[in-house]
mmCIF file of all heavy atoms, coordinates in Angstrom:
data_MODEL
# 
_entry.id   MODEL 
# 
loop_
_atom_site.group_PDB 
_atom_site.id 
_atom_site.type_symbol 
_atom_site.label_atom_id 
_atom_site.label_alt_id 
_atom_site.label_comp_id 
_atom_site.label_asym_id 
_atom_site.label_entity_id 
_atom_site.label_seq_id 
_atom_site.pdbx_PDB_ins_code 
_atom_site.Cartn_x 
_atom_site.Cartn_y 
_atom_site.Cartn_z 
_atom_site.occupancy 
_atom_site.B_iso_or_equiv 
_atom_site.pdbx_formal_charge 
_atom_site.auth_seq_id 
_atom_site.auth_comp_id 
_atom_site.auth_asym_id 
_atom_site.auth_atom_id 
_atom_site.pdbx_PDB_model_num 
ATOM 1   N N   . ASN A 1 1  ? -43.457 -91.777  14.839 1.00 0.00 ? 1  ASN A N   1 
ATOM 2   C CA  . ASN A 1 1  ? -43.851 -92.937  14.137 1.00 0.00 ? 1  ASN A CA  1 
ATOM 3   C C   . ASN A 1 1  ? -44.623 -94.008  14.861 1.00 0.00 ? 1  ASN A C   1 
ATOM 4   O O   . ASN A 1 1  ? -45.586 -94.662  14.474 1.00 0.00 ? 1  ASN A O   1 
ATOM 5   C CB  . ASN A 1 1  ? -42.569 -93.558  13.367 1.00 0.00 ? 1  ASN A CB  1 
ATOM 6   C CG  . ASN A 1 1  ? -42.090 -92.768  12.290 1.00 0.00 ? 1  ASN A CG  1 
ATOM 7   O OD1 . ASN A 1 1  ? -42.744 -92.013  11.640 1.00 0.00 ? 1  ASN A OD1 1 
ATOM 8   N ND2 . ASN A 1 1  ? -40.773 -92.953  11.975 1.00 0.00 ? 1  ASN A ND2 1 
ATOM 9   N N   . GLN A 1 2  ? -44.143 -94.163  16.089 1.00 0.00 ? 2  GLN A N   1 
ATOM 10  C CA  . GLN A 1 2  ? -44.881 -95.109  17.085 1.00 0.00 ? 2  GLN A CA  1 
ATOM 11  C C   . GLN A 1 2  ? -46.276 -94.627  17.276 1.00 0.00 ? 2  GLN A C   1 
ATOM 12  O O   . GLN A 1 2  ? -47.164 -95.448  17.387 1.00 0.00 ? 2  GLN A O   1 
ATOM 13  C CB  . GLN A 1 2  ? -44.103 -95.220  18.381 1.00 0.00 ? 2  GLN A CB  1 
ATOM 14  C CG  . GLN A 1 2  ? -42.755 -96.036  18.137 1.00 0.00 ? 2  GLN A CG  1 
ATOM 15  C CD  . GLN A 1 2  ? -41.844 -96.072  19.428 1.00 0.00 ? 2  GLN A CD  1 
ATOM 16  O OE1 . GLN A 1 2  ? -41.974 -95.239  20.350 1.00 0.00 ? 2  GLN A OE1 1 
ATOM 17  N NE2 . GLN A 1 2  ? -40.960 -97.039  19.439 1.00 0.00 ? 2  GLN A NE2 1 
ATOM 18  N N   . GLU A 1 3  ? -46.469 -93.374  17.546 1.00 0.00 ? 3  GLU A N   1 
ATOM 19  C CA  . GLU A 1 3  ? -47.758 -92.792  17.780 1.00 0.00 ? 3  GLU A CA  1 
ATOM 20  C C   . GLU A 1 3  ? -48.560 -93.030  16.625 1.00 0.00 ? 3  GLU A C   1 
ATOM 21  O O   . GLU A 1 3  ? -49.863 -93.389  16.674 1.00 0.00 ? 3  GLU A O   1 
ATOM 22  C CB  . GLU A 1 3  ? -47.712 -91.197  18.132 1.00 0.00 ? 3  GLU A CB  1 
ATOM 23  C CG  . GLU A 1 3  ? -48.889 -90.670  18.510 1.00 0.00 ? 3  GLU A CG  1 
ATOM 24  C CD  . GLU A 1 3  ? -48.770 -89.144  18.876 1.00 0.00 ? 3  GLU A CD  1 
ATOM 25  O OE1 . GLU A 1 3  ? -47.731 -88.847  19.525 1.00 0.00 ? 3  GLU A OE1 1 
ATOM 26  O OE2 . GLU A 1 3  ? -49.664 -88.383  18.505 1.00 0.00 ? 3  GLU A OE2 1 
ATOM 27  N N   . GLN A 1 4  ? -48.123 -92.803  15.374 1.00 0.00 ? 4  GLN A N   1 
ATOM 28  C CA  . GLN A 1 4  ? -48.980 -92.871  14.151 1.00 0.00 ? 4  GLN A CA  1 
ATOM 29  C C   . GLN A 1 4  ? -49.241 -94.461  13.993 1.00 0.00 ? 4  GLN A C   1 
ATOM 30  O O   . GLN A 1 4  ? -50.397 -94.793  13.650 1.00 0.00 ? 4  GLN A O   1 
ATOM 31  C CB  . GLN A 1 4  ? -48.196 -92.443  13.028 1.00 0.00 ? 4  GLN A CB  1 
ATOM 32  C CG  . GLN A 1 4  ? -48.141 -90.938  12.910 1.00 0.00 ? 4  GLN A CG  1 
ATOM 33  C CD  . GLN A 1 4  ? -47.122 -90.412  11.868 1.00 0.00 ? 4  GLN A CD  1 
ATOM 34  O OE1 . GLN A 1 4  ? -46.333 -91.202  11.279 1.00 0.00 ? 4  GLN A OE1 1 
ATOM 35  N NE2 . GLN A 1 4  ? -47.234 -89.201  11.506 1.00 0.00 ? 4  GLN A NE2 1 
ATOM 36  N N   . GLY A 1 5  ? -48.292 -95.242  14.304 1.00 0.00 ? 5  GLY A N   1 
ATOM 37  C CA  . GLY A 1 5  ? -48.569 -96.759  14.334 1.00 0.00 ? 5  GLY A CA  1 
ATOM 38  C C   . GLY A 1 5  ? -49.567 -97.137  15.277 1.00 0.00 ? 5  GLY A C   1 
ATOM 39  O O   . GLY A 1 5  ? -50.480 -98.072  14.819 1.00 0.00 ? 5  GLY A O   1 
ATOM 40  N N   . LEU A 1 6  ? -49.548 -96.636  16.446 1.00 0.00 ? 6  LEU A N   1 
ATOM 41  C CA  . LEU A 1 6  ? -50.678 -96.889  17.467 1.00 0.00 ? 6  LEU A CA  1 
ATOM 42  C C   . LEU A 1 6  ? -52.011 -96.557  16.947 1.00 0.00 ? 6  LEU A C   1 
ATOM 43  O O   . LEU A 1 6  ? -53.026 -97.223  17.090 1.00 0.00 ? 6  LEU A O   1 
ATOM 44  C CB  . LEU A 1 6  ? -50.381 -96.321  18.740 1.00 0.00 ? 6  LEU A CB  1 
ATOM 45  C CG  . LEU A 1 6  ? -49.123 -96.902  19.538 1.00 0.00 ? 6  LEU A CG  1 
ATOM 46  C CD1 . LEU A 1 6  ? -48.817 -96.110  20.799 1.00 0.00 ? 6  LEU A CD1 1 
ATOM 47  C CD2 . LEU A 1 6  ? -49.467 -98.294  19.976 1.00 0.00 ? 6  LEU A CD2 1 
ATOM 48  N N   . GLU A 1 7  ? -52.051 -95.433  16.279 1.00 0.00 ? 7  GLU A N   1 
ATOM 49  C CA  . GLU A 1 7  ? -53.423 -94.945  15.728 1.00 0.00 ? 7  GLU A CA  1 
ATOM 50  C C   . GLU A 1 7  ? -53.862 -95.806  14.602 1.00 0.00 ? 7  GLU A C   1 
ATOM 51  O O   . GLU A 1 7  ? -55.023 -96.126  14.583 1.00 0.00 ? 7  GLU A O   1 
ATOM 52  C CB  . GLU A 1 7  ? -53.164 -93.498  15.108 1.00 0.00 ? 7  GLU A CB  1 
ATOM 53  C CG  . GLU A 1 7  ? -52.959 -92.475  16.194 1.00 0.00 ? 7  GLU A CG  1 
ATOM 54  C CD  . GLU A 1 7  ? -52.660 -90.987  15.711 1.00 0.00 ? 7  GLU A CD  1 
ATOM 55  O OE1 . GLU A 1 7  ? -52.671 -90.859  14.451 1.00 0.00 ? 7  GLU A OE1 1 
ATOM 56  O OE2 . GLU A 1 7  ? -52.384 -90.153  16.446 1.00 0.00 ? 7  GLU A OE2 1 
ATOM 57  N N   . VAL A 1 8  ? -52.892 -96.311  13.759 1.00 0.00 ? 8  VAL A N   1 
ATOM 58  C CA  . VAL A 1 8  ? -53.350 -97.306  12.784 1.00 0.00 ? 8  VAL A CA  1 
ATOM 59  C C   . VAL A 1 8  ? -53.809 -98.570  13.355 1.00 0.00 ? 8  VAL A C   1 
ATOM 60  O O   . VAL A 1 8  ? -54.794 -99.114  12.941 1.00 0.00 ? 8  VAL A O   1 
ATOM 61  C CB  . VAL A 1 8  ? -52.110 -97.542  11.833 1.00 0.00 ? 8  VAL A CB  1 
ATOM 62  C CG1 . VAL A 1 8  ? -52.436 -98.621  10.790 1.00 0.00 ? 8  VAL A CG1 1 
ATOM 63  C CG2 . VAL A 1 8  ? -51.805 -96.238  11.020 1.00 0.00 ? 8  VAL A CG2 1 
ATOM 64  N N   . VAL A 1 9  ? -53.144 -99.126  14.380 1.00 0.00 ? 9  VAL A N   1 
ATOM 65  C CA  . VAL A 1 9  ? -53.510 -100.353 15.004 1.00 0.00 ? 9  VAL A CA  1 
ATOM 66  C C   . VAL A 1 9  ? -54.887 -100.128 15.754 1.00 0.00 ? 9  VAL A C   1 
ATOM 67  O O   . VAL A 1 9  ? -55.769 -100.964 15.494 1.00 0.00 ? 9  VAL A O   1 
ATOM 68  C CB  . VAL A 1 9  ? -52.501 -100.766 16.053 1.00 0.00 ? 9  VAL A CB  1 
ATOM 69  C CG1 . VAL A 1 9  ? -53.091 -101.960 16.925 1.00 0.00 ? 9  VAL A CG1 1 
ATOM 70  C CG2 . VAL A 1 9  ? -51.172 -101.186 15.473 1.00 0.00 ? 9  VAL A CG2 1 
ATOM 71  N N   . ALA A 1 10 ? -55.037 -98.999  16.332 1.00 0.00 ? 10 ALA A N   1 
ATOM 72  C CA  . ALA A 1 10 ? -56.439 -98.700  16.925 1.00 0.00 ? 10 ALA A CA  1 
ATOM 73  C C   . ALA A 1 10 ? -57.592 -98.675  15.842 1.00 0.00 ? 10 ALA A C   1 
ATOM 74  O O   . ALA A 1 10 ? -58.573 -99.311  16.064 1.00 0.00 ? 10 ALA A O   1 
ATOM 75  C CB  . ALA A 1 10 ? -56.407 -97.423  17.707 1.00 0.00 ? 10 ALA A CB  1 
ATOM 76  N N   . LYS A 1 11 ? -57.289 -98.139  14.689 1.00 0.00 ? 11 LYS A N   1 
ATOM 77  C CA  . LYS A 1 11 ? -58.283 -98.046  13.564 1.00 0.00 ? 11 LYS A CA  1 
ATOM 78  C C   . LYS A 1 11 ? -58.631 -99.411  13.146 1.00 0.00 ? 11 LYS A C   1 
ATOM 79  O O   . LYS A 1 11 ? -59.769 -99.761  13.022 1.00 0.00 ? 11 LYS A O   1 
ATOM 80  C CB  . LYS A 1 11 ? -57.720 -97.246  12.497 1.00 0.00 ? 11 LYS A CB  1 
ATOM 81  C CG  . LYS A 1 11 ? -58.593 -97.161  11.248 1.00 0.00 ? 11 LYS A CG  1 
ATOM 82  C CD  . LYS A 1 11 ? -57.978 -96.406  10.156 1.00 0.00 ? 11 LYS A CD  1 
ATOM 83  C CE  . LYS A 1 11 ? -58.053 -97.250  8.907  1.00 0.00 ? 11 LYS A CE  1 
ATOM 84  N NZ  . LYS A 1 11 ? -57.262 -96.851  7.735  1.00 0.00 ? 11 LYS A NZ  1 
ATOM 85  N N   . TRP A 1 12 ? -57.695 -100.287 12.966 1.00 0.00 ? 12 TRP A N   1 
ATOM 86  C CA  . TRP A 1 12 ? -57.934 -101.671 12.516 1.00 0.00 ? 12 TRP A CA  1 
ATOM 87  C C   . TRP A 1 12 ? -58.514 -102.539 13.578 1.00 0.00 ? 12 TRP A C   1 
ATOM 88  O O   . TRP A 1 12 ? -59.331 -103.357 13.203 1.00 0.00 ? 12 TRP A O   1 
ATOM 89  C CB  . TRP A 1 12 ? -56.582 -102.373 11.962 1.00 0.00 ? 12 TRP A CB  1 
ATOM 90  C CG  . TRP A 1 12 ? -56.240 -101.904 10.625 1.00 0.00 ? 12 TRP A CG  1 
ATOM 91  C CD1 . TRP A 1 12 ? -55.300 -100.836 10.329 1.00 0.00 ? 12 TRP A CD1 1 
ATOM 92  C CD2 . TRP A 1 12 ? -56.722 -102.294 9.342  1.00 0.00 ? 12 TRP A CD2 1 
ATOM 93  N NE1 . TRP A 1 12 ? -55.307 -100.657 9.002  1.00 0.00 ? 12 TRP A NE1 1 
ATOM 94  C CE2 . TRP A 1 12 ? -56.114 -101.576 8.440  1.00 0.00 ? 12 TRP A CE2 1 
ATOM 95  C CE3 . TRP A 1 12 ? -57.646 -103.263 8.982  1.00 0.00 ? 12 TRP A CE3 1 
ATOM 96  C CZ2 . TRP A 1 12 ? -56.470 -101.744 6.946  1.00 0.00 ? 12 TRP A CZ2 1 
ATOM 97  C CZ3 . TRP A 1 12 ? -57.926 -103.459 7.661  1.00 0.00 ? 12 TRP A CZ3 1 
ATOM 98  C CH2 . TRP A 1 12 ? -57.335 -102.768 6.708  1.00 0.00 ? 12 TRP A CH2 1 
ATOM 99  N N   . THR A 1 13 ? -58.183 -102.312 14.843 1.00 0.00 ? 13 THR A N   1 
ATOM 100 C CA  . THR A 1 13 ? -58.896 -102.979 15.959 1.00 0.00 ? 13 THR A CA  1 
ATOM 101 C C   . THR A 1 13 ? -60.378 -102.659 16.027 1.00 0.00 ? 13 THR A C   1 
ATOM 102 O O   . THR A 1 13 ? -61.258 -103.589 16.147 1.00 0.00 ? 13 THR A O   1 
ATOM 103 C CB  . THR A 1 13 ? -58.183 -102.526 17.324 1.00 0.00 ? 13 THR A CB  1 
ATOM 104 O OG1 . THR A 1 13 ? -56.807 -102.864 17.229 1.00 0.00 ? 13 THR A OG1 1 
ATOM 105 C CG2 . THR A 1 13 ? -58.824 -103.301 18.478 1.00 0.00 ? 13 THR A CG2 1 
ATOM 106 N N   . GLN A 1 14 ? -60.688 -101.414 15.755 1.00 0.00 ? 14 GLN A N   1 
ATOM 107 C CA  . GLN A 1 14 ? -62.111 -101.004 15.678 1.00 0.00 ? 14 GLN A CA  1 
ATOM 108 C C   . GLN A 1 14 ? -62.842 -101.685 14.442 1.00 0.00 ? 14 GLN A C   1 
ATOM 109 O O   . GLN A 1 14 ? -63.991 -102.127 14.653 1.00 0.00 ? 14 GLN A O   1 
ATOM 110 C CB  . GLN A 1 14 ? -62.271 -99.568  15.580 1.00 0.00 ? 14 GLN A CB  1 
ATOM 111 C CG  . GLN A 1 14 ? -61.871 -98.825  16.862 1.00 0.00 ? 14 GLN A CG  1 
ATOM 112 C CD  . GLN A 1 14 ? -61.938 -97.267  16.687 1.00 0.00 ? 14 GLN A CD  1 
ATOM 113 O OE1 . GLN A 1 14 ? -61.969 -96.811  15.619 1.00 0.00 ? 14 GLN A OE1 1 
ATOM 114 N NE2 . GLN A 1 14 ? -61.749 -96.564  17.810 1.00 0.00 ? 14 GLN A NE2 1 
ATOM 115 N N   . ALA A 1 15 ? -62.091 -101.801 13.388 1.00 0.00 ? 15 ALA A N   1 
ATOM 116 C CA  . ALA A 1 15 ? -62.692 -102.488 12.249 1.00 0.00 ? 15 ALA A CA  1 
ATOM 117 C C   . ALA A 1 15 ? -62.933 -103.974 12.536 1.00 0.00 ? 15 ALA A C   1 
ATOM 118 O O   . ALA A 1 15 ? -63.997 -104.593 12.183 1.00 0.00 ? 15 ALA A O   1 
ATOM 119 C CB  . ALA A 1 15 ? -61.790 -102.379 11.067 1.00 0.00 ? 15 ALA A CB  1 
ATOM 120 N N   . ALA A 1 16 ? -62.036 -104.622 13.339 1.00 0.00 ? 16 ALA A N   1 
ATOM 121 C CA  . ALA A 1 16 ? -62.136 -106.041 13.700 1.00 0.00 ? 16 ALA A CA  1 
ATOM 122 C C   . ALA A 1 16 ? -63.406 -106.183 14.641 1.00 0.00 ? 16 ALA A C   1 
ATOM 123 O O   . ALA A 1 16 ? -64.052 -107.184 14.661 1.00 0.00 ? 16 ALA A O   1 
ATOM 124 C CB  . ALA A 1 16 ? -60.819 -106.562 14.302 1.00 0.00 ? 16 ALA A CB  1 
ATOM 125 N N   . GLU A 1 17 ? -63.496 -105.218 15.558 1.00 0.00 ? 17 GLU A N   1 
ATOM 126 C CA  . GLU A 1 17 ? -64.676 -105.203 16.537 1.00 0.00 ? 17 GLU A CA  1 
ATOM 127 C C   . GLU A 1 17 ? -65.973 -105.194 15.848 1.00 0.00 ? 17 GLU A C   1 
ATOM 128 O O   . GLU A 1 17 ? -66.986 -105.777 16.321 1.00 0.00 ? 17 GLU A O   1 
ATOM 129 C CB  . GLU A 1 17 ? -64.512 -104.045 17.482 1.00 0.00 ? 17 GLU A CB  1 
ATOM 130 C CG  . GLU A 1 17 ? -63.387 -104.254 18.527 1.00 0.00 ? 17 GLU A CG  1 
ATOM 131 C CD  . GLU A 1 17 ? -63.138 -103.022 19.298 1.00 0.00 ? 17 GLU A CD  1 
ATOM 132 O OE1 . GLU A 1 17 ? -63.585 -101.907 18.886 1.00 0.00 ? 17 GLU A OE1 1 
ATOM 133 O OE2 . GLU A 1 17 ? -62.209 -103.132 20.265 1.00 0.00 ? 17 GLU A OE2 1 
ATOM 134 N N   . LYS A 1 18 ? -66.056 -104.561 14.653 1.00 0.00 ? 18 LYS A N   1 
ATOM 135 C CA  . LYS A 1 18 ? -67.411 -104.332 13.940 1.00 0.00 ? 18 LYS A CA  1 
ATOM 136 C C   . LYS A 1 18 ? -67.517 -105.222 12.794 1.00 0.00 ? 18 LYS A C   1 
ATOM 137 O O   . LYS A 1 18 ? -68.571 -105.127 12.145 1.00 0.00 ? 18 LYS A O   1 
ATOM 138 C CB  . LYS A 1 18 ? -67.527 -102.821 13.613 1.00 0.00 ? 18 LYS A CB  1 
ATOM 139 C CG  . LYS A 1 18 ? -67.495 -101.898 14.729 1.00 0.00 ? 18 LYS A CG  1 
ATOM 140 C CD  . LYS A 1 18 ? -67.401 -100.409 14.273 1.00 0.00 ? 18 LYS A CD  1 
ATOM 141 C CE  . LYS A 1 18 ? -67.331 -99.504  15.428 1.00 0.00 ? 18 LYS A CE  1 
ATOM 142 N NZ  . LYS A 1 18 ? -67.088 -98.095  15.041 1.00 0.00 ? 18 LYS A NZ  1 
ATOM 143 N N   . ALA A 1 19 ? -66.464 -105.870 12.242 1.00 0.00 ? 19 ALA A N   1 
ATOM 144 C CA  . ALA A 1 19 ? -66.549 -106.594 10.934 1.00 0.00 ? 19 ALA A CA  1 
ATOM 145 C C   . ALA A 1 19 ? -67.659 -107.610 10.956 1.00 0.00 ? 19 ALA A C   1 
ATOM 146 O O   . ALA A 1 19 ? -67.826 -108.393 11.842 1.00 0.00 ? 19 ALA A O   1 
ATOM 147 C CB  . ALA A 1 19 ? -65.145 -107.222 10.780 1.00 0.00 ? 19 ALA A CB  1 
ATOM 148 N N   . LYS A 1 20 ? -68.471 -107.379 9.966  1.00 0.00 ? 20 LYS A N   1 
ATOM 149 C CA  . LYS A 1 20 ? -69.453 -108.477 9.721  1.00 0.00 ? 20 LYS A CA  1 
ATOM 150 C C   . LYS A 1 20 ? -68.839 -109.689 9.046  1.00 0.00 ? 20 LYS A C   1 
ATOM 151 O O   . LYS A 1 20 ? -69.231 -110.855 9.253  1.00 0.00 ? 20 LYS A O   1 
ATOM 152 C CB  . LYS A 1 20 ? -70.556 -107.952 8.846  1.00 0.00 ? 20 LYS A CB  1 
ATOM 153 C CG  . LYS A 1 20 ? -71.314 -106.832 9.611  1.00 0.00 ? 20 LYS A CG  1 
ATOM 154 C CD  . LYS A 1 20 ? -72.491 -106.457 8.782  1.00 0.00 ? 20 LYS A CD  1 
ATOM 155 C CE  . LYS A 1 20 ? -73.495 -105.569 9.630  1.00 0.00 ? 20 LYS A CE  1 
ATOM 156 N NZ  . LYS A 1 20 ? -73.601 -104.328 9.561  1.00 0.00 ? 20 LYS A NZ  1 
ATOM 157 N N   . ASP A 1 21 ? -67.805 -109.473 8.197  1.00 0.00 ? 21 ASP A N   1 
ATOM 158 C CA  . ASP A 1 21 ? -67.123 -110.594 7.465  1.00 0.00 ? 21 ASP A CA  1 
ATOM 159 C C   . ASP A 1 21 ? -65.753 -110.467 7.880  1.00 0.00 ? 21 ASP A C   1 
ATOM 160 O O   . ASP A 1 21 ? -64.878 -109.853 7.237  1.00 0.00 ? 21 ASP A O   1 
ATOM 161 C CB  . ASP A 1 21 ? -67.328 -110.492 6.100  1.00 0.00 ? 21 ASP A CB  1 
ATOM 162 C CG  . ASP A 1 21 ? -66.530 -111.432 5.222  1.00 0.00 ? 21 ASP A CG  1 
ATOM 163 O OD1 . ASP A 1 21 ? -66.042 -112.486 5.838  1.00 0.00 ? 21 ASP A OD1 1 
ATOM 164 O OD2 . ASP A 1 21 ? -66.423 -111.364 4.014  1.00 0.00 ? 21 ASP A OD2 1 
ATOM 165 N N   . PRO A 1 22 ? -65.223 -111.191 9.042  1.00 0.00 ? 22 PRO A N   1 
ATOM 166 C CA  . PRO A 1 22 ? -63.884 -111.173 9.369  1.00 0.00 ? 22 PRO A CA  1 
ATOM 167 C C   . PRO A 1 22 ? -62.819 -111.561 8.425  1.00 0.00 ? 22 PRO A C   1 
ATOM 168 O O   . PRO A 1 22 ? -61.769 -110.943 8.366  1.00 0.00 ? 22 PRO A O   1 
ATOM 169 C CB  . PRO A 1 22 ? -63.806 -112.151 10.549 1.00 0.00 ? 22 PRO A CB  1 
ATOM 170 C CG  . PRO A 1 22 ? -65.228 -112.260 11.021 1.00 0.00 ? 22 PRO A CG  1 
ATOM 171 C CD  . PRO A 1 22 ? -66.066 -112.078 9.798  1.00 0.00 ? 22 PRO A CD  1 
ATOM 172 N N   . ASN A 1 23 ? -63.107 -112.430 7.471  1.00 0.00 ? 23 ASN A N   1 
ATOM 173 C CA  . ASN A 1 23 ? -62.299 -112.842 6.376  1.00 0.00 ? 23 ASN A CA  1 
ATOM 174 C C   . ASN A 1 23 ? -61.949 -111.727 5.450  1.00 0.00 ? 23 ASN A C   1 
ATOM 175 O O   . ASN A 1 23 ? -60.880 -111.760 4.786  1.00 0.00 ? 23 ASN A O   1 
ATOM 176 C CB  . ASN A 1 23 ? -62.775 -114.089 5.657  1.00 0.00 ? 23 ASN A CB  1 
ATOM 177 C CG  . ASN A 1 23 ? -62.631 -115.331 6.605  1.00 0.00 ? 23 ASN A CG  1 
ATOM 178 O OD1 . ASN A 1 23 ? -61.713 -115.509 7.236  1.00 0.00 ? 23 ASN A OD1 1 
ATOM 179 N ND2 . ASN A 1 23 ? -63.795 -115.987 6.796  1.00 0.00 ? 23 ASN A ND2 1 
ATOM 180 N N   . ALA A 1 24 ? -62.753 -110.728 5.313  1.00 0.00 ? 24 ALA A N   1 
ATOM 181 C CA  . ALA A 1 24 ? -62.402 -109.605 4.400  1.00 0.00 ? 24 ALA A CA  1 
ATOM 182 C C   . ALA A 1 24 ? -61.264 -108.822 4.929  1.00 0.00 ? 24 ALA A C   1 
ATOM 183 O O   . ALA A 1 24 ? -60.639 -108.152 4.135  1.00 0.00 ? 24 ALA A O   1 
ATOM 184 C CB  . ALA A 1 24 ? -63.568 -108.772 4.172  1.00 0.00 ? 24 ALA A CB  1 
ATOM 185 N N   . LEU A 1 25 ? -61.015 -108.822 6.292  1.00 0.00 ? 25 LEU A N   1 
ATOM 186 C CA  . LEU A 1 25 ? -59.992 -107.940 6.922  1.00 0.00 ? 25 LEU A CA  1 
ATOM 187 C C   . LEU A 1 25 ? -58.627 -108.444 6.311  1.00 0.00 ? 25 LEU A C   1 
ATOM 188 O O   . LEU A 1 25 ? -57.686 -107.679 6.212  1.00 0.00 ? 25 LEU A O   1 
ATOM 189 C CB  . LEU A 1 25 ? -60.059 -108.099 8.383  1.00 0.00 ? 25 LEU A CB  1 
ATOM 190 C CG  . LEU A 1 25 ? -61.237 -107.364 8.998  1.00 0.00 ? 25 LEU A CG  1 
ATOM 191 C CD1 . LEU A 1 25 ? -61.272 -107.627 10.477 1.00 0.00 ? 25 LEU A CD1 1 
ATOM 192 C CD2 . LEU A 1 25 ? -61.206 -105.840 8.693  1.00 0.00 ? 25 LEU A CD2 1 
ATOM 193 N N   . TYR A 1 26 ? -58.459 -109.820 6.160  1.00 0.00 ? 26 TYR A N   1 
ATOM 194 C CA  . TYR A 1 26 ? -57.196 -110.313 5.699  1.00 0.00 ? 26 TYR A CA  1 
ATOM 195 C C   . TYR A 1 26 ? -56.779 -109.622 4.384  1.00 0.00 ? 26 TYR A C   1 
ATOM 196 O O   . TYR A 1 26 ? -55.666 -109.158 4.232  1.00 0.00 ? 26 TYR A O   1 
ATOM 197 C CB  . TYR A 1 26 ? -57.235 -111.863 5.535  1.00 0.00 ? 26 TYR A CB  1 
ATOM 198 C CG  . TYR A 1 26 ? -55.972 -112.340 4.935  1.00 0.00 ? 26 TYR A CG  1 
ATOM 199 C CD1 . TYR A 1 26 ? -54.760 -112.488 5.775  1.00 0.00 ? 26 TYR A CD1 1 
ATOM 200 C CD2 . TYR A 1 26 ? -55.880 -112.770 3.703  1.00 0.00 ? 26 TYR A CD2 1 
ATOM 201 C CE1 . TYR A 1 26 ? -53.572 -113.048 5.276  1.00 0.00 ? 26 TYR A CE1 1 
ATOM 202 C CE2 . TYR A 1 26 ? -54.647 -113.334 3.206  1.00 0.00 ? 26 TYR A CE2 1 
ATOM 203 C CZ  . TYR A 1 26 ? -53.497 -113.377 4.022  1.00 0.00 ? 26 TYR A CZ  1 
ATOM 204 O OH  . TYR A 1 26 ? -52.400 -113.932 3.500  1.00 0.00 ? 26 TYR A OH  1 
# 
């Protein structure tokens, strides 16, 4: 579960790095 959680966090971190509209992430 922790490994899967880390993968999910990594995915969202990448999305935040590339987001053109940061407010859409919320």
